[in-house]
Amino acid sequence: MSAQEAVARRASQLVRPGEIAIDGSLAALLAAGSTFEVLALPDSVYESRASVPVQVAAVIAAALPIAFRRIRPFTALIVTISMMAGFRVLLDAPVVLWSLGVILVVVYSAARHAQHPLQWWSIAPPLALVGVYSLVIPGFFNLNDLEIDLTVMIAAWGIGLVLRSWATTRRALRESLAEVEAAESFRTANAIREERDRIARELHDVVAHCVTVMVVQSGSARLTLRSDPASSERALNSVESTGREALAEMRRMLGLLRDEERKELDPQPSLAGAFRLVAQLSDAGMSIDYAVEGAPRQLPLGVDVSAYRILQESLTNAAAHAVAAPVRARVRYLAGAVEVEVRNGPGAESGRGSGHHGLVGMRERTRLFGGRLDAGRTVDGGFRVVATLPIEAGS
């Protein structure tokens, strides 16, 4: 059984209550129309020697299987055709024009909903019914409208097959799209988790550095406590400031989940080394206009590392998604924040960039420090990233 056939089979087993109600109403409508024709339009009915109650019962019974045309489509077809043929042969039941509507509905339903390969056989029962009627009803085969009846029955069967194929393909596409979205969600969540782990490791090193500085400074203050009180006071003030910074970074670090053991990292990067990063990328062939605006100052280590990583990721994305396009990069020291902006013009992709997942990492970093990230296409077809990281008062 192919994948499309499996999808169709599963779909045929899932009939909603609303659809059952619609099919029941359709069966009632066709039964009512057939009954009306028997009672009010006897001239349109093939002659029958059966009593009127038998005729009414026969046409109603033939229409009732339509109520489960989606639940058991091929069964509904066989039951309907069998009753029409049997009632005519055994009871001399009437053949009414509304019977054609009943036949069209069950033929279409079997072609549309029956399990494979039954839909391909769904045209056979109505053709057999035509043969039975031709044998037991004098002159039936020679009727002028017989060709039209056969044409519309085959058309109903064909429409059912076409809609079946269309619905199966559409359903398979929806399932494939759902699988793609689920895989993308998993990759995004994994990227977020990996980025949080990386940030947590970096903040771990920041806190460890702060604690090391505090230990050294407090030891120095102890040694000079009596001989140089002023120097001891400066050292203790530095310990206090460093301790506050360490506590702030610790709170951020504890807000992240770590799924891996800490790995050894290179020395923590800093915006002070951004010129070396730009020089490396320029040597690799990028055209970068880089500048620092505002007065550079000492940043909290966590902010400094994240700002550098955002600049690095933005330039990497520009190199991957806009090959040979000019890049403009700015680091701005504002009154209460540091801002990183990278803008590139349109260009061809190299296929090496981290793309969406790179933006995920940048958003995690800005969110961690209560900042803001704006990223999107520019009017000229390029791309622009602006990250603003607040600097806490007293830092």
Protein backbone atom coordinates (compact mmCIF):
# COMPACT_ATOMS: atom_id res chain seq x y z
CA MET A 1 0.00 0.00 0.00
CA SER A 2 1.44 3.35 -1.04
CA ALA A 3 1.69 6.39 1.23
CA GLN A 4 -1.16 8.15 -0.58
CA GLU A 5 -3.38 5.09 -0.28
CA ALA A 6 -2.63 4.85 3.44
CA VAL A 7 -3.54 8.51 3.85
CA ALA A 8 -6.81 7.96 1.96
CA ARG A 9 -7.67 4.94 4.09
CA ARG A 10 -7.08 6.81 7.33
CA ALA A 11 -9.14 9.73 6.06
CA SER A 12 -12.06 7.47 5.12
CA GLN A 13 -12.23 6.23 8.68
CA LEU A 14 -12.53 9.74 10.10
CA VAL A 15 -16.05 10.93 9.36
CA ARG A 16 -17.20 13.93 11.36
CA PRO A 17 -20.66 14.00 12.98
CA GLY A 18 -21.60 17.02 10.87
CA GLU A 19 -20.91 15.06 7.69
CA ILE A 20 -23.08 12.18 8.90
CA ALA A 21 -25.91 14.64 9.54
CA ILE A 22 -25.51 16.10 6.02
CA ASP A 23 -25.58 12.63 4.45
CA GLY A 24 -28.68 11.72 6.45
CA SER A 25 -30.40 14.88 5.25
CA LEU A 26 -29.40 14.11 1.65
CA ALA A 27 -30.85 10.58 1.94
CA ALA A 28 -34.08 12.02 3.33
CA LEU A 29 -34.28 14.58 0.51
CA LEU A 30 -33.82 11.96 -2.23
CA ALA A 31 -36.31 9.63 -0.54
CA ALA A 32 -38.84 12.47 -0.30
CA GLY A 33 -38.34 13.39 -3.97
CA SER A 34 -38.78 9.79 -5.08
CA THR A 35 -41.92 9.45 -2.94
CA PHE A 36 -43.37 12.65 -4.37
CA GLU A 37 -42.75 11.38 -7.88
CA VAL A 38 -44.50 8.08 -7.16
CA LEU A 39 -47.53 9.80 -5.60
CA ALA A 40 -47.89 12.97 -7.64
CA LEU A 41 -46.22 12.30 -10.99
CA PRO A 42 -47.24 8.79 -12.04
CA ASP A 43 -46.66 9.60 -15.72
CA SER A 44 -42.90 9.90 -15.11
CA VAL A 45 -42.77 6.45 -13.45
CA TYR A 46 -42.18 3.25 -15.40
CA GLU A 47 -45.33 1.17 -15.10
CA SER A 48 -45.52 -0.94 -11.97
CA ARG A 49 -48.08 -3.49 -10.87
CA ALA A 50 -47.05 -3.13 -7.21
CA SER A 51 -49.32 -1.34 -4.78
CA VAL A 52 -48.60 2.29 -3.94
CA PRO A 53 -47.33 1.48 -0.41
CA VAL A 54 -44.88 -1.06 -1.86
CA GLN A 55 -43.73 1.45 -4.46
CA VAL A 56 -43.17 4.12 -1.80
CA ALA A 57 -41.36 1.69 0.47
CA ALA A 58 -39.12 0.58 -2.40
CA VAL A 59 -37.98 4.05 -3.44
CA ILE A 60 -37.41 5.12 0.18
CA ALA A 61 -35.41 1.98 0.96
CA ALA A 62 -33.22 2.52 -2.11
CA ALA A 63 -32.31 6.04 -0.95
CA LEU A 64 -31.55 5.24 2.71
CA PRO A 65 -27.99 3.80 2.18
CA ILE A 66 -26.89 7.30 1.19
CA ALA A 67 -26.94 8.12 4.92
CA PHE A 68 -23.72 6.09 5.35
CA ARG A 69 -22.16 6.87 1.95
CA ARG A 70 -18.96 8.19 3.60
CA ILE A 71 -18.72 5.60 6.35
CA ARG A 72 -19.13 2.58 4.02
CA PRO A 73 -19.18 4.05 0.50
CA PHE A 74 -18.81 0.86 -1.54
CA THR A 75 -21.28 -0.98 0.69
CA ALA A 76 -23.80 1.83 0.23
CA LEU A 77 -23.35 1.54 -3.54
CA ILE A 78 -23.85 -2.25 -3.60
CA VAL A 79 -26.87 -2.14 -1.26
CA THR A 80 -28.55 0.64 -3.23
CA ILE A 81 -28.03 -0.97 -6.65
CA SER A 82 -29.02 -4.40 -5.34
CA MET A 83 -32.27 -3.07 -3.87
CA MET A 84 -33.13 -1.21 -7.07
CA ALA A 85 -32.56 -4.32 -9.18
CA GLY A 86 -34.15 -6.72 -6.70
CA PHE A 87 -37.23 -4.62 -6.06
CA ARG A 88 -37.83 -4.28 -9.80
CA VAL A 89 -37.36 -7.99 -10.51
CA LEU A 90 -39.18 -9.37 -7.45
CA LEU A 91 -41.78 -6.72 -6.66
CA ASP A 92 -42.11 -4.91 -9.95
CA ALA A 93 -41.19 -1.72 -8.08
CA PRO A 94 -41.19 1.55 -10.05
CA VAL A 95 -38.17 3.23 -11.66
CA VAL A 96 -38.39 6.97 -11.07
CA LEU A 97 -36.30 9.86 -12.33
CA TRP A 98 -35.13 10.57 -8.78
CA SER A 99 -33.53 7.13 -8.83
CA LEU A 100 -30.92 8.54 -11.20
CA GLY A 101 -29.98 11.09 -8.55
CA VAL A 102 -29.64 8.30 -5.98
CA ILE A 103 -27.40 6.33 -8.36
CA LEU A 104 -25.21 9.34 -9.12
CA VAL A 105 -24.68 10.06 -5.41
CA VAL A 106 -23.64 6.50 -4.50
CA VAL A 107 -21.43 6.13 -7.58
CA TYR A 108 -19.67 9.44 -6.86
CA SER A 109 -19.33 8.55 -3.16
CA ALA A 110 -17.77 5.15 -3.87
CA ALA A 111 -15.27 6.66 -6.34
CA ARG A 112 -14.49 9.48 -3.90
CA HIS A 113 -14.35 7.65 -0.54
CA ALA A 114 -14.04 3.86 -1.05
CA GLN A 115 -10.83 2.14 -0.02
CA HIS A 116 -8.38 1.26 -2.75
CA PRO A 117 -8.97 -0.49 -5.14
CA LEU A 118 -12.76 -0.55 -4.68
CA GLN A 119 -13.22 2.92 -6.15
CA TRP A 120 -12.15 1.58 -9.55
CA TRP A 121 -14.95 -1.01 -9.44
CA SER A 122 -17.63 1.46 -8.38
CA ILE A 123 -18.75 2.07 -11.97
CA ALA A 124 -19.58 -1.64 -12.51
CA PRO A 125 -22.74 -1.97 -10.32
CA PRO A 126 -24.70 0.87 -11.98
CA LEU A 127 -23.78 -0.49 -15.42
CA ALA A 128 -25.04 -3.87 -14.29
CA LEU A 129 -28.26 -2.21 -13.09
CA VAL A 130 -28.76 -0.72 -16.56
CA GLY A 131 -28.41 -4.23 -17.98
CA VAL A 132 -31.00 -5.60 -15.53
CA TYR A 133 -33.45 -2.82 -16.34
CA SER A 134 -32.91 -3.44 -20.06
CA LEU A 135 -33.89 -7.09 -19.59
CA VAL A 136 -36.93 -6.66 -17.36
CA ILE A 137 -38.36 -3.34 -18.63
CA PRO A 138 -39.68 -3.49 -22.19
CA GLY A 139 -38.21 -0.75 -24.37
CA PHE A 140 -35.79 0.49 -21.71
CA PHE A 141 -32.69 -0.14 -23.79
CA ASN A 142 -34.09 1.84 -26.70
CA LEU A 143 -34.94 4.95 -24.74
CA ASN A 144 -33.43 8.09 -26.18
CA ASP A 145 -32.17 9.26 -22.80
CA LEU A 146 -30.25 6.04 -22.03
CA GLU A 147 -27.05 7.45 -23.51
CA ILE A 148 -27.42 10.56 -21.34
CA ASP A 149 -27.96 8.42 -18.21
CA LEU A 150 -24.80 6.42 -18.89
CA THR A 151 -22.82 9.57 -19.61
CA VAL A 152 -23.79 11.26 -16.36
CA MET A 153 -23.09 8.09 -14.35
CA ILE A 154 -19.60 7.82 -15.83
CA ALA A 155 -19.10 11.54 -15.27
CA ALA A 156 -20.07 11.18 -11.58
CA TRP A 157 -17.61 8.32 -11.25
CA GLY A 158 -14.83 10.33 -12.92
CA ILE A 159 -15.50 13.40 -10.78
CA GLY A 160 -15.29 11.25 -7.68
CA LEU A 161 -11.91 9.85 -8.74
CA VAL A 162 -10.53 13.29 -9.57
CA LEU A 163 -11.65 14.81 -6.26
CA ARG A 164 -10.31 11.77 -4.43
CA SER A 165 -6.88 12.23 -5.99
CA TRP A 166 -6.93 15.97 -5.31
CA ALA A 167 -7.98 15.53 -1.66
CA THR A 168 -5.40 12.79 -1.07
CA THR A 169 -2.61 14.91 -2.54
CA ARG A 170 -3.72 17.93 -0.57
CA ARG A 171 -3.85 15.92 2.66
CA ALA A 172 -0.42 14.44 2.00
CA LEU A 173 0.97 17.93 1.40
CA ARG A 174 -0.55 19.15 4.68
CA GLU A 175 1.02 16.24 6.53
CA SER A 176 4.37 16.90 4.87
CA LEU A 177 4.11 20.58 5.76
CA ALA A 178 3.28 19.68 9.36
CA GLU A 179 6.34 17.42 9.47
CA VAL A 180 8.52 20.20 8.06
CA GLU A 181 7.14 22.69 10.59
CA ALA A 182 7.68 20.22 13.43
CA ALA A 183 11.26 19.61 12.28
CA GLU A 184 11.88 23.35 11.99
CA SER A 185 10.43 23.93 15.46
CA PHE A 186 12.71 21.21 16.81
CA ARG A 187 15.75 22.76 15.12
CA THR A 188 14.81 26.19 16.42
CA ALA A 189 14.33 24.89 19.96
CA ASN A 190 17.63 23.05 19.70
CA ALA A 191 19.35 26.20 18.45
CA ILE A 192 17.90 28.19 21.36
CA ARG A 193 19.02 25.54 23.83
CA GLU A 194 22.53 25.42 22.37
CA GLU A 195 22.76 29.21 22.39
CA ARG A 196 21.59 29.36 26.00
CA ASP A 197 24.19 26.75 26.93
CA ARG A 198 26.86 28.79 25.21
CA ILE A 199 25.73 32.01 26.93
CA ALA A 200 25.63 30.22 30.28
CA ARG A 201 29.19 28.96 29.81
CA GLU A 202 30.36 32.44 28.91
CA LEU A 203 28.61 33.97 31.90
CA HIS A 204 30.10 31.24 34.07
CA ASP A 205 33.54 32.41 33.01
CA VAL A 206 32.54 36.04 33.60
CA VAL A 207 31.44 35.27 37.16
CA ALA A 208 34.56 33.18 37.78
CA HIS A 209 36.68 36.09 36.58
CA CYS A 210 34.84 38.51 38.88
CA VAL A 211 35.26 36.25 41.88
CA THR A 212 38.97 35.83 41.12
CA VAL A 213 39.40 39.61 40.96
CA MET A 214 37.52 40.00 44.26
CA VAL A 215 39.78 37.45 45.97
CA VAL A 216 42.93 39.19 44.72
CA GLN A 217 41.68 42.66 45.65
CA SER A 218 40.46 41.63 49.09
CA GLY A 219 43.87 40.00 49.77
CA SER A 220 45.61 43.18 48.72
CA ALA A 221 43.32 45.23 50.98
CA ARG A 222 44.12 42.95 53.92
CA LEU A 223 47.87 43.36 53.42
CA THR A 224 47.69 47.18 53.25
CA LEU A 225 44.96 47.65 55.83
CA ARG A 226 47.34 49.22 58.40
CA SER A 227 50.19 50.52 56.29
CA ASP A 228 48.06 52.17 53.55
CA PRO A 229 44.39 52.56 54.56
CA ALA A 230 43.58 54.65 51.48
CA SER A 231 44.80 51.90 49.17
CA SER A 232 42.83 49.33 51.15
CA GLU A 233 39.69 51.45 50.80
CA ARG A 234 40.14 51.65 47.03
CA ALA A 235 40.61 47.90 46.85
CA LEU A 236 37.52 47.26 48.94
CA ASN A 237 35.47 49.65 46.77
CA SER A 238 36.62 47.68 43.74
CA VAL A 239 35.65 44.44 45.48
CA GLU A 240 32.19 45.85 46.14
CA SER A 241 31.73 46.97 42.52
CA THR A 242 33.03 43.69 41.14
CA GLY A 243 30.78 41.76 43.54
CA ARG A 244 27.71 43.60 42.33
CA GLU A 245 28.63 42.83 38.74
CA ALA A 246 29.22 39.17 39.62
CA LEU A 247 25.81 38.94 41.32
CA ALA A 248 24.08 40.49 38.30
CA GLU A 249 25.77 38.02 35.94
CA MET A 250 24.98 35.16 38.35
CA ARG A 251 21.29 36.00 38.27
CA ARG A 252 21.33 35.92 34.49
CA MET A 253 23.23 32.68 34.42
CA LEU A 254 20.86 30.97 36.84
CA GLY A 255 17.98 31.93 34.54
CA LEU A 256 19.36 29.72 31.79
CA LEU A 257 19.12 25.95 31.47
CA ARG A 258 22.33 24.04 30.92
CA ASP A 259 22.02 20.64 29.29
CA GLU A 260 25.72 19.95 28.85
CA GLU A 261 28.79 19.90 31.05
CA ARG A 262 30.86 23.05 30.81
CA LYS A 263 33.37 23.02 27.98
CA GLU A 264 36.66 24.87 27.93
CA LEU A 265 36.35 28.23 26.16
CA ASP A 266 38.84 30.57 24.66
CA PRO A 267 39.41 33.87 26.49
CA GLN A 268 36.18 35.85 26.47
CA PRO A 269 35.83 38.17 23.46
CA SER A 270 35.26 41.89 23.85
CA LEU A 271 34.18 44.83 21.72
CA ALA A 272 37.70 46.08 22.25
CA GLY A 273 38.77 43.32 19.88
CA ALA A 274 36.13 44.09 17.25
CA PHE A 275 38.72 45.77 15.00
CA ARG A 276 40.63 42.48 14.79
CA LEU A 277 37.40 40.67 13.83
CA VAL A 278 36.69 43.23 11.10
CA ALA A 279 40.28 42.98 9.85
CA GLN A 280 40.04 39.19 9.59
CA LEU A 281 36.81 39.36 7.58
CA SER A 282 38.21 42.13 5.38
CA ASP A 283 41.24 39.97 4.62
CA ALA A 284 38.79 37.23 3.60
CA GLY A 285 37.34 39.55 0.95
CA MET A 286 34.49 41.38 2.70
CA SER A 287 34.02 45.12 2.15
CA ILE A 288 33.29 46.44 5.66
CA ASP A 289 32.88 50.05 6.75
CA TYR A 290 33.34 49.78 10.53
CA ALA A 291 33.31 52.60 13.06
CA VAL A 292 32.76 53.22 16.76
CA GLU A 293 30.45 56.09 17.68
CA GLY A 294 30.43 57.68 21.11
CA ALA A 295 33.04 57.42 23.83
CA PRO A 296 34.07 53.80 24.42
CA ARG A 297 33.88 52.80 28.07
CA GLN A 298 34.15 49.75 30.26
CA LEU A 299 31.09 47.54 29.87
CA PRO A 300 29.78 44.79 32.14
CA LEU A 301 31.53 41.65 30.99
CA GLY A 302 28.29 39.85 30.07
CA VAL A 303 27.10 42.79 27.96
CA ASP A 304 30.53 43.12 26.37
CA VAL A 305 30.67 39.45 25.35
CA SER A 306 27.10 39.43 24.00
CA ALA A 307 27.59 42.65 22.01
CA TYR A 308 30.71 41.16 20.43
CA ARG A 309 28.90 37.89 19.60
CA ILE A 310 26.01 39.80 18.00
CA LEU A 311 28.45 41.82 15.88
CA GLN A 312 30.30 38.64 14.93
CA GLU A 313 27.11 36.75 13.99
CA SER A 314 25.72 39.69 12.00
CA LEU A 315 28.92 40.02 9.97
CA THR A 316 29.01 36.24 9.42
CA ASN A 317 25.43 36.28 8.15
CA ALA A 318 26.25 39.20 5.85
CA ALA A 319 29.20 37.24 4.44
CA ALA A 320 26.98 34.21 3.80
CA HIS A 321 23.80 35.82 2.50
CA ALA A 322 25.14 38.85 0.63
CA VAL A 323 28.37 37.79 -1.06
CA ALA A 324 30.44 40.78 -2.27
CA ALA A 325 27.85 43.27 -0.97
CA PRO A 326 29.19 46.26 0.98
CA VAL A 327 28.67 46.06 4.75
CA ARG A 328 28.31 48.94 7.19
CA ALA A 329 28.91 48.13 10.86
CA ARG A 330 28.59 50.49 13.82
CA VAL A 331 29.08 50.15 17.55
CA ARG A 332 27.46 53.02 19.42
CA TYR A 333 28.02 53.85 23.07
CA LEU A 334 24.81 55.55 24.17
CA ALA A 335 23.90 57.10 27.51
CA GLY A 336 22.40 53.94 29.00
CA ALA A 337 23.10 51.28 26.40
CA VAL A 338 25.45 49.95 23.77
CA GLU A 339 24.07 49.48 20.25
CA VAL A 340 25.36 47.24 17.48
CA GLU A 341 24.17 47.86 13.91
CA VAL A 342 25.14 45.87 10.83
CA ARG A 343 23.66 46.67 7.44
CA ASN A 344 24.51 44.98 4.14
CA GLY A 345 23.37 45.54 0.60
CA PRO A 346 21.75 42.91 -1.64
CA GLY A 347 23.89 40.05 -2.87
CA ALA A 348 23.95 36.37 -3.77
CA GLU A 349 23.92 33.74 -1.03
CA SER A 350 26.90 31.48 -0.48
CA GLY A 351 24.89 28.88 1.44
CA ARG A 352 27.25 28.89 4.43
CA GLY A 353 25.38 31.11 6.86
CA SER A 354 23.51 30.19 10.01
CA GLY A 355 20.60 32.35 8.88
CA HIS A 356 17.49 31.90 10.98
CA HIS A 357 19.31 30.16 13.81
CA GLY A 358 21.84 33.01 13.96
CA LEU A 359 18.97 35.41 14.57
CA VAL A 360 17.65 33.06 17.25
CA GLY A 361 20.96 33.33 19.10
CA MET A 362 21.02 37.11 18.82
CA ARG A 363 17.47 37.39 20.12
CA GLU A 364 18.33 35.19 23.09
CA ARG A 365 21.28 37.40 23.96
CA THR A 366 19.33 40.66 23.73
CA ARG A 367 16.40 39.17 25.68
CA LEU A 368 18.77 38.01 28.42
CA PHE A 369 19.86 41.59 29.09
CA GLY A 370 16.42 43.14 28.60
CA GLY A 371 17.44 44.64 25.26
CA ARG A 372 15.86 44.86 21.83
CA LEU A 373 16.72 43.31 18.47
CA ASP A 374 15.38 44.62 15.16
CA ALA A 375 16.22 42.55 12.10
CA GLY A 376 14.74 42.55 8.62
CA ARG A 377 15.00 43.40 4.95
CA THR A 378 15.77 46.92 3.82
CA VAL A 379 14.03 48.69 0.93
CA ASP A 380 17.00 48.10 -1.37
CA GLY A 381 16.91 44.33 -0.82
CA GLY A 382 19.66 44.22 1.78
CA PHE A 383 19.45 43.25 5.45
CA ARG A 384 19.81 45.23 8.68
CA VAL A 385 20.36 44.11 12.26
CA VAL A 386 20.20 46.52 15.19
CA ALA A 387 20.74 45.21 18.73
CA THR A 388 20.47 47.44 21.78
CA LEU A 389 21.79 46.16 25.11
CA PRO A 390 21.01 48.28 28.19
CA ILE A 391 23.81 49.08 30.60
CA GLU A 392 22.63 48.99 34.18
CA ALA A 393 23.17 52.10 36.25
CA GLY A 394 26.34 51.94 38.26
CA SER A 395 28.00 49.45 35.92
